């Protein structure tokens, strides 16, 4: 799906930028990574980019919690 029409890039470009370790997950950095270093023109795409960043960070947070969370109870205790 097209995210920006002024400096054309898609949601796939945003996802790729978010998964690139050397691109900080800030609106400005992600936008510049997707647009080839250009600045926004009309700005109508910025909300969509911001929402994708928030969703990405939330998914990372949930995954981190799952990895760090110890098992609450061994399976054999639940069966008794």
PDB file of N, CA and C in Angstrom:
ATOM      1  N   UNK A   1       0.852  -1.165   0.000  1.00  0.00           N
ATOM      2  CA  UNK A   1       0.000   0.000   0.000  1.00  0.00           C
ATOM      3  C   UNK A   1       0.905   1.238   0.000  1.00  0.00           C
ATOM      4  N   UNK A   2       0.525   2.212  -0.802  1.00  0.00           N
ATOM      5  CA  UNK A   2       1.280   3.458  -0.830  1.00  0.00           C
ATOM      6  C   UNK A   2       1.055   4.224   0.460  1.00  0.00           C
ATOM      7  N   UNK A   3       2.144   4.642   1.084  1.00  0.00           N
ATOM      8  CA  UNK A   3       2.077   5.447   2.300  1.00  0.00           C
ATOM      9  C   UNK A   3       2.263   6.914   1.944  1.00  0.00           C
ATOM     10  N   UNK A   4       3.274   7.215   1.142  1.00  0.00           N
ATOM     11  CA  UNK A   4       3.564   8.595   0.754  1.00  0.00           C
ATOM     12  C   UNK A   4       3.485   8.713  -0.762  1.00  0.00           C
ATOM     13  N   UNK A   5       2.763   9.728  -1.215  1.00  0.00           N
ATOM     14  CA  UNK A   5       2.651   9.969  -2.655  1.00  0.00           C
ATOM     15  C   UNK A   5       3.600  11.073  -3.110  1.00  0.00           C
ATOM     16  N   UNK A   6       3.986  11.957  -2.199  1.00  0.00           N
ATOM     17  CA  UNK A   6       4.889  13.064  -2.555  1.00  0.00           C
ATOM     18  C   UNK A   6       6.307  12.555  -2.814  1.00  0.00           C
ATOM     19  N   UNK A   7       6.783  11.716  -1.929  1.00  0.00           N
ATOM     20  CA  UNK A   7       8.086  11.052  -2.052  1.00  0.00           C
ATOM     21  C   UNK A   7       7.782   9.559  -1.993  1.00  0.00           C
ATOM     22  N   UNK A   8       7.358   8.977  -3.112  1.00  0.00           N
ATOM     23  CA  UNK A   8       6.719   7.658  -3.114  1.00  0.00           C
ATOM     24  C   UNK A   8       7.461   6.556  -2.357  1.00  0.00           C
ATOM     25  N   UNK A   9       6.736   5.980  -1.382  1.00  0.00           N
ATOM     26  CA  UNK A   9       7.171   4.758  -0.723  1.00  0.00           C
ATOM     27  C   UNK A   9       5.952   4.045  -0.159  1.00  0.00           C
ATOM     28  N   UNK A  10       6.136   2.757   0.122  1.00  0.00           N
ATOM     29  CA  UNK A  10       5.030   1.896   0.533  1.00  0.00           C
ATOM     30  C   UNK A  10       5.190   1.432   1.974  1.00  0.00           C
ATOM     31  N   UNK A  11       4.172   0.718   2.454  1.00  0.00           N
ATOM     32  CA  UNK A  11       4.237   0.138   3.797  1.00  0.00           C
ATOM     33  C   UNK A  11       5.381  -0.872   3.899  1.00  0.00           C
ATOM     34  N   UNK A  12       5.696  -1.546   2.799  1.00  0.00           N
ATOM     35  CA  UNK A  12       6.819  -2.495   2.811  1.00  0.00           C
ATOM     36  C   UNK A  12       8.139  -1.768   3.040  1.00  0.00           C
ATOM     37  N   UNK A  13       8.260  -0.570   2.481  1.00  0.00           N
ATOM     38  CA  UNK A  13       9.468   0.226   2.703  1.00  0.00           C
ATOM     39  C   UNK A  13       9.590   0.628   4.171  1.00  0.00           C
ATOM     40  N   UNK A  14       8.463   0.984   4.785  1.00  0.00           N
ATOM     41  CA  UNK A  14       8.471   1.365   6.202  1.00  0.00           C
ATOM     42  C   UNK A  14       8.860   0.160   7.053  1.00  0.00           C
ATOM     43  N   UNK A  15       8.265  -1.004   6.775  1.00  0.00           N
ATOM     44  CA  UNK A  15       8.590  -2.211   7.538  1.00  0.00           C
ATOM     45  C   UNK A  15      10.070  -2.565   7.404  1.00  0.00           C
ATOM     46  N   UNK A  16      10.598  -2.425   6.199  1.00  0.00           N
ATOM     47  CA  UNK A  16      12.020  -2.714   5.971  1.00  0.00           C
ATOM     48  C   UNK A  16      12.889  -1.754   6.783  1.00  0.00           C
ATOM     49  N   UNK A  17      12.537  -0.474   6.797  1.00  0.00           N
ATOM     50  CA  UNK A  17      13.301   0.513   7.576  1.00  0.00           C
ATOM     51  C   UNK A  17      13.237   0.195   9.064  1.00  0.00           C
ATOM     52  N   UNK A  18      12.062  -0.226   9.538  1.00  0.00           N
ATOM     53  CA  UNK A  18      11.903  -0.545  10.956  1.00  0.00           C
ATOM     54  C   UNK A  18      12.716  -1.767  11.362  1.00  0.00           C
ATOM     55  N   UNK A  19      12.957  -2.659  10.430  1.00  0.00           N
ATOM     56  CA  UNK A  19      13.720  -3.874  10.718  1.00  0.00           C
ATOM     57  C   UNK A  19      15.220  -3.696  10.493  1.00  0.00           C
ATOM     58  N   UNK A  20      15.621  -2.520  10.013  1.00  0.00           N
ATOM     59  CA  UNK A  20      17.031  -2.232   9.780  1.00  0.00           C
ATOM     60  C   UNK A  20      17.649  -1.713  11.071  1.00  0.00           C
ATOM     61  N   UNK A  21      18.648  -2.411  11.609  1.00  0.00           N
ATOM     62  CA  UNK A  21      19.206  -2.033  12.913  1.00  0.00           C
ATOM     63  C   UNK A  21      19.795  -0.623  12.975  1.00  0.00           C
ATOM     64  N   UNK A  22      20.343  -0.119  11.868  1.00  0.00           N
ATOM     65  CA  UNK A  22      20.988   1.192  11.919  1.00  0.00           C
ATOM     66  C   UNK A  22      20.031   2.362  11.679  1.00  0.00           C
ATOM     67  N   UNK A  23      18.722   2.091  11.568  1.00  0.00           N
ATOM     68  CA  UNK A  23      17.725   3.155  11.431  1.00  0.00           C
ATOM     69  C   UNK A  23      16.972   3.272  12.751  1.00  0.00           C
ATOM     70  N   UNK A  24      17.186   4.375  13.497  1.00  0.00           N
ATOM     71  CA  UNK A  24      16.431   4.557  14.744  1.00  0.00           C
ATOM     72  C   UNK A  24      14.930   4.613  14.459  1.00  0.00           C
ATOM     73  N   UNK A  25      14.137   4.080  15.361  1.00  0.00           N
ATOM     74  CA  UNK A  25      12.685   4.041  15.167  1.00  0.00           C
ATOM     75  C   UNK A  25      12.033   5.362  15.546  1.00  0.00           C
ATOM     76  N   UNK A  26      12.482   6.435  14.901  1.00  0.00           N
ATOM     77  CA  UNK A  26      11.846   7.736  15.080  1.00  0.00           C
ATOM     78  C   UNK A  26      11.172   8.105  13.773  1.00  0.00           C
ATOM     79  N   UNK A  27      10.175   8.949  13.848  1.00  0.00           N
ATOM     80  CA  UNK A  27       9.435   9.345  12.653  1.00  0.00           C
ATOM     81  C   UNK A  27      10.368   9.954  11.611  1.00  0.00           C
ATOM     82  N   UNK A  28      11.230  10.863  12.027  1.00  0.00           N
ATOM     83  CA  UNK A  28      12.127  11.531  11.081  1.00  0.00           C
ATOM     84  C   UNK A  28      13.086  10.544  10.415  1.00  0.00           C
ATOM     85  N   UNK A  29      13.678   9.660  11.196  1.00  0.00           N
ATOM     86  CA  UNK A  29      14.655   8.709  10.645  1.00  0.00           C
ATOM     87  C   UNK A  29      14.008   7.689   9.723  1.00  0.00           C
ATOM     88  N   UNK A  30      12.857   7.178  10.114  1.00  0.00           N
ATOM     89  CA  UNK A  30      12.159   6.200   9.271  1.00  0.00           C
ATOM     90  C   UNK A  30      11.713   6.865   7.973  1.00  0.00           C
ATOM     91  N   UNK A  31      11.167   8.083   8.070  1.00  0.00           N
ATOM     92  CA  UNK A  31      10.728   8.787   6.859  1.00  0.00           C
ATOM     93  C   UNK A  31      11.906   9.003   5.910  1.00  0.00           C
ATOM     94  N   UNK A  32      13.014   9.486   6.435  1.00  0.00           N
ATOM     95  CA  UNK A  32      14.183   9.741   5.578  1.00  0.00           C
ATOM     96  C   UNK A  32      14.715   8.449   4.959  1.00  0.00           C
ATOM     97  N   UNK A  33      14.686   7.354   5.714  1.00  0.00           N
ATOM     98  CA  UNK A  33      15.141   6.069   5.177  1.00  0.00           C
ATOM     99  C   UNK A  33      14.249   5.605   4.030  1.00  0.00           C
ATOM    100  N   UNK A  34      12.964   5.870   4.134  1.00  0.00           N
ATOM    101  CA  UNK A  34      12.010   5.419   3.111  1.00  0.00           C
ATOM    102  C   UNK A  34      11.976   6.334   1.893  1.00  0.00           C
ATOM    103  N   UNK A  35      12.245   7.617   2.105  1.00  0.00           N
ATOM    104  CA  UNK A  35      12.105   8.600   1.025  1.00  0.00           C
ATOM    105  C   UNK A  35      13.425   8.943   0.351  1.00  0.00           C
ATOM    106  N   UNK A  36      14.475   8.236   0.694  1.00  0.00           N
ATOM    107  CA  UNK A  36      15.769   8.542   0.103  1.00  0.00           C
ATOM    108  C   UNK A  36      16.382   9.813   0.654  1.00  0.00           C
ATOM    109  N   UNK A  37      16.060  10.125   1.908  1.00  0.00           N
ATOM    110  CA  UNK A  37      16.644  11.294   2.563  1.00  0.00           C
ATOM    111  C   UNK A  37      15.864  12.580   2.393  1.00  0.00           C
ATOM    112  N   UNK A  38      14.723  12.514   1.729  1.00  0.00           N
ATOM    113  CA  UNK A  38      13.922  13.721   1.498  1.00  0.00           C
ATOM    114  C   UNK A  38      13.071  14.054   2.717  1.00  0.00           C
ATOM    115  N   UNK A  39      12.642  15.309   2.786  1.00  0.00           N
ATOM    116  CA  UNK A  39      11.731  15.761   3.834  1.00  0.00           C
ATOM    117  C   UNK A  39      10.294  15.619   3.361  1.00  0.00           C
ATOM    118  N   UNK A  40       9.338  15.510   4.289  1.00  0.00           N
ATOM    119  CA  UNK A  40       7.929  15.434   3.886  1.00  0.00           C
ATOM    120  C   UNK A  40       7.487  16.712   3.177  1.00  0.00           C
ATOM    121  N   UNK A  41       6.557  16.563   2.247  1.00  0.00           N
ATOM    122  CA  UNK A  41       5.985  17.725   1.564  1.00  0.00           C
ATOM    123  C   UNK A  41       4.678  18.122   2.233  1.00  0.00           C
ATOM    124  N   UNK A  42       3.617  17.370   1.983  1.00  0.00           N
ATOM    125  CA  UNK A  42       2.303  17.744   2.532  1.00  0.00           C
ATOM    126  C   UNK A  42       2.099  17.217   3.952  1.00  0.00           C
ATOM    127  N   UNK A  43       2.794  16.127   4.310  1.00  0.00           N
ATOM    128  CA  UNK A  43       2.702  15.580   5.660  1.00  0.00           C
ATOM    129  C   UNK A  43       1.522  14.666   5.911  1.00  0.00           C
ATOM    130  N   UNK A  44       0.706  14.405   4.902  1.00  0.00           N
ATOM    131  CA  UNK A  44      -0.480  13.565   5.127  1.00  0.00           C
ATOM    132  C   UNK A  44      -0.123  12.112   5.444  1.00  0.00           C
ATOM    133  N   UNK A  45       1.077  11.695   5.155  1.00  0.00           N
ATOM    134  CA  UNK A  45       1.502  10.318   5.401  1.00  0.00           C
ATOM    135  C   UNK A  45       2.095  10.116   6.793  1.00  0.00           C
ATOM    136  N   UNK A  46       2.389  11.191   7.488  1.00  0.00           N
ATOM    137  CA  UNK A  46       3.131  11.071   8.744  1.00  0.00           C
ATOM    138  C   UNK A  46       2.380  10.290   9.812  1.00  0.00           C
ATOM    139  N   UNK A  47       1.063  10.412   9.856  1.00  0.00           N
ATOM    140  CA  UNK A  47       0.281   9.648  10.841  1.00  0.00           C
ATOM    141  C   UNK A  47       0.392   8.148  10.574  1.00  0.00           C
ATOM    142  N   UNK A  48       0.351   7.765   9.304  1.00  0.00           N
ATOM    143  CA  UNK A  48       0.459   6.344   8.960  1.00  0.00           C
ATOM    144  C   UNK A  48       1.840   5.806   9.324  1.00  0.00           C
ATOM    145  N   UNK A  49       2.882   6.572   9.051  1.00  0.00           N
ATOM    146  CA  UNK A  49       4.237   6.142   9.403  1.00  0.00           C
ATOM    147  C   UNK A  49       4.365   6.037  10.918  1.00  0.00           C
ATOM    148  N   UNK A  50       3.861   7.039  11.632  1.00  0.00           N
ATOM    149  CA  UNK A  50       3.923   7.017  13.102  1.00  0.00           C
ATOM    150  C   UNK A  50       3.190   5.797  13.650  1.00  0.00           C
ATOM    151  N   UNK A  51       2.002   5.503  13.120  1.00  0.00           N
ATOM    152  CA  UNK A  51       1.234   4.342  13.581  1.00  0.00           C
ATOM    153  C   UNK A  51       1.999   3.040  13.349  1.00  0.00           C
ATOM    154  N   UNK A  52       2.686   2.939  12.214  1.00  0.00           N
ATOM    155  CA  UNK A  52       3.467   1.737  11.934  1.00  0.00           C
ATOM    156  C   UNK A  52       4.639   1.611  12.902  1.00  0.00           C
ATOM    157  N   UNK A  53       5.240   2.731  13.272  1.00  0.00           N
ATOM    158  CA  UNK A  53       6.335   2.711  14.245  1.00  0.00           C
ATOM    159  C   UNK A  53       5.817   2.240  15.601  1.00  0.00           C
ATOM    160  N   UNK A  54       4.676   2.775  16.029  1.00  0.00           N
ATOM    161  CA  UNK A  54       4.085   2.391  17.319  1.00  0.00           C
ATOM    162  C   UNK A  54       3.746   0.902  17.321  1.00  0.00           C
ATOM    163  N   UNK A  55       3.130   0.416  16.248  1.00  0.00           N
ATOM    164  CA  UNK A  55       2.792  -1.011  16.157  1.00  0.00           C
ATOM    165  C   UNK A  55       4.050  -1.877  16.218  1.00  0.00           C
ATOM    166  N   UNK A  56       5.089  -1.454  15.529  1.00  0.00           N
ATOM    167  CA  UNK A  56       6.350  -2.204  15.518  1.00  0.00           C
ATOM    168  C   UNK A  56       6.959  -2.251  16.918  1.00  0.00           C
ATOM    169  N   UNK A  57       6.995  -1.109  17.588  1.00  0.00           N
ATOM    170  CA  UNK A  57       7.571  -1.061  18.932  1.00  0.00           C
ATOM    171  C   UNK A  57       6.741  -1.877  19.917  1.00  0.00           C
ATOM    172  N   UNK A  58       5.417  -1.868  19.759  1.00  0.00           N
ATOM    173  CA  UNK A  58       4.554  -2.673  20.629  1.00  0.00           C
ATOM    174  C   UNK A  58       4.821  -4.157  20.427  1.00  0.00           C
ATOM    175  N   UNK A  59       4.968  -4.568  19.176  1.00  0.00           N
ATOM    176  CA  UNK A  59       5.237  -5.977  18.881  1.00  0.00           C
ATOM    177  C   UNK A  59       6.576  -6.408  19.470  1.00  0.00           C
ATOM    178  N   UNK A  60       7.569  -5.540  19.388  1.00  0.00           N
ATOM    179  CA  UNK A  60       8.875  -5.849  19.974  1.00  0.00           C
ATOM    180  C   UNK A  60       8.747  -5.970  21.484  1.00  0.00           C
ATOM    181  N   UNK A  61       7.984  -5.081  22.100  1.00  0.00           N
ATOM    182  CA  UNK A  61       7.791  -5.114  23.552  1.00  0.00           C
ATOM    183  C   UNK A  61       7.119  -6.388  24.009  1.00  0.00           C
ATOM    184  N   UNK A  62       6.083  -6.814  23.301  1.00  0.00           N
ATOM    185  CA  UNK A  62       5.375  -8.049  23.649  1.00  0.00           C
ATOM    186  C   UNK A  62       6.313  -9.241  23.499  1.00  0.00           C
ATOM    187  N   UNK A  63       7.080  -9.277  22.425  1.00  0.00           N
ATOM    188  CA  UNK A  63       8.015 -10.382  22.212  1.00  0.00           C
ATOM    189  C   UNK A  63       9.061 -10.420  23.319  1.00  0.00           C
ATOM    190  N   UNK A  64       9.560  -9.265  23.722  1.00  0.00           N
ATOM    191  CA  UNK A  64      10.565  -9.190  24.789  1.00  0.00           C
ATOM    192  C   UNK A  64       9.988  -9.700  26.103  1.00  0.00           C
ATOM    193  N   UNK A  65       8.747  -9.323  26.409  1.00  0.00           N
ATOM    194  CA  UNK A  65       8.100  -9.793  27.638  1.00  0.00           C
ATOM    195  C   UNK A  65       7.960 -11.312  27.606  1.00  0.00           C
ATOM    196  N   UNK A  66       7.536 -11.858  26.466  1.00  0.00           N
ATOM    197  CA  UNK A  66       7.382 -13.307  26.347  1.00  0.00           C
ATOM    198  C   UNK A  66       8.710 -14.023  26.554  1.00  0.00           C
ATOM    199  N   UNK A  67       9.779 -13.448  26.034  1.00  0.00           N
ATOM    200  CA  UNK A  67      11.097 -14.079  26.171  1.00  0.00           C
ATOM    201  C   UNK A  67      11.606 -14.003  27.605  1.00  0.00           C
ATOM    202  N   UNK A  68      11.309 -12.896  28.286  1.00  0.00           N
ATOM    203  CA  UNK A  68      11.829 -12.687  29.638  1.00  0.00           C
ATOM    204  C   UNK A  68      10.961 -13.289  30.729  1.00  0.00           C
ATOM    205  N   UNK A  69       9.721 -13.587  30.425  1.00  0.00           N
ATOM    206  CA  UNK A  69       8.784 -14.067  31.426  1.00  0.00           C
ATOM    207  C   UNK A  69       9.091 -15.519  31.789  1.00  0.00           C
ATOM    208  N   UNK A  70       9.346 -15.792  33.058  1.00  0.00           N
ATOM    209  CA  UNK A  70       9.576 -17.192  33.437  1.00  0.00           C
ATOM    210  C   UNK A  70       8.254 -17.961  33.364  1.00  0.00           C
ATOM    211  N   UNK A  71       8.368 -19.247  33.235  1.00  0.00           N
ATOM    212  CA  UNK A  71       7.150 -20.060  33.245  1.00  0.00           C
ATOM    213  C   UNK A  71       6.473 -19.898  34.591  1.00  0.00           C
ATOM    214  N   UNK A  72       5.167 -19.719  34.559  1.00  0.00           N
ATOM    215  CA  UNK A  72       4.428 -19.488  35.801  1.00  0.00           C
ATOM    216  C   UNK A  72       4.255 -20.766  36.604  1.00  0.00           C
ATOM    217  N   UNK A  73       4.052 -21.860  35.924  1.00  0.00           N
ATOM    218  CA  UNK A  73       3.900 -23.135  36.624  1.00  0.00           C
ATOM    219  C   UNK A  73       4.323 -24.253  35.679  1.00  0.00           C
ATOM    220  N   UNK A  74       5.038 -25.228  36.195  1.00  0.00           N
ATOM    221  CA  UNK A  74       5.403 -26.359  35.350  1.00  0.00           C
ATOM    222  C   UNK A  74       4.141 -27.088  34.875  1.00  0.00           C
ATOM    223  N   UNK A  75       4.143 -27.615  33.665  1.00  0.00           N
ATOM    224  CA  UNK A  75       2.958 -28.282  33.121  1.00  0.00           C
ATOM    225  C   UNK A  75       2.431 -29.413  33.998  1.00  0.00           C
ATOM    226  N   UNK A  76       3.302 -30.152  34.682  1.00  0.00           N
ATOM    227  CA  UNK A  76       2.841 -31.273  35.501  1.00  0.00           C
ATOM    228  C   UNK A  76       1.992 -30.783  36.671  1.00  0.00           C
ATOM    229  N   UNK A  77       2.231 -29.586  37.196  1.00  0.00           N
ATOM    230  CA  UNK A  77       1.415 -29.060  38.293  1.00  0.00           C
ATOM    231  C   UNK A  77       0.015 -28.685  37.815  1.00  0.00           C
ATOM    232  N   UNK A  78      -0.083 -28.258  36.576  1.00  0.00           N
ATOM    233  CA  UNK A  78      -1.384 -27.870  36.034  1.00  0.00           C
ATOM    234  C   UNK A  78      -2.271 -29.086  35.796  1.00  0.00           C
ATOM    235  N   UNK A  79      -1.673 -30.245  35.547  1.00  0.00           N
ATOM    236  CA  UNK A  79      -2.436 -31.452  35.255  1.00  0.00           C
ATOM    237  C   UNK A  79      -3.009 -32.085  36.515  1.00  0.00           C
ATOM    238  N   UNK A  80      -2.464 -31.771  37.677  1.00  0.00           N
ATOM    239  CA  UNK A  80      -2.906 -32.430  38.916  1.00  0.00           C
ATOM    240  C   UNK A  80      -4.207 -31.898  39.429  1.00  0.00           C
TER     241      UNK A  80
END
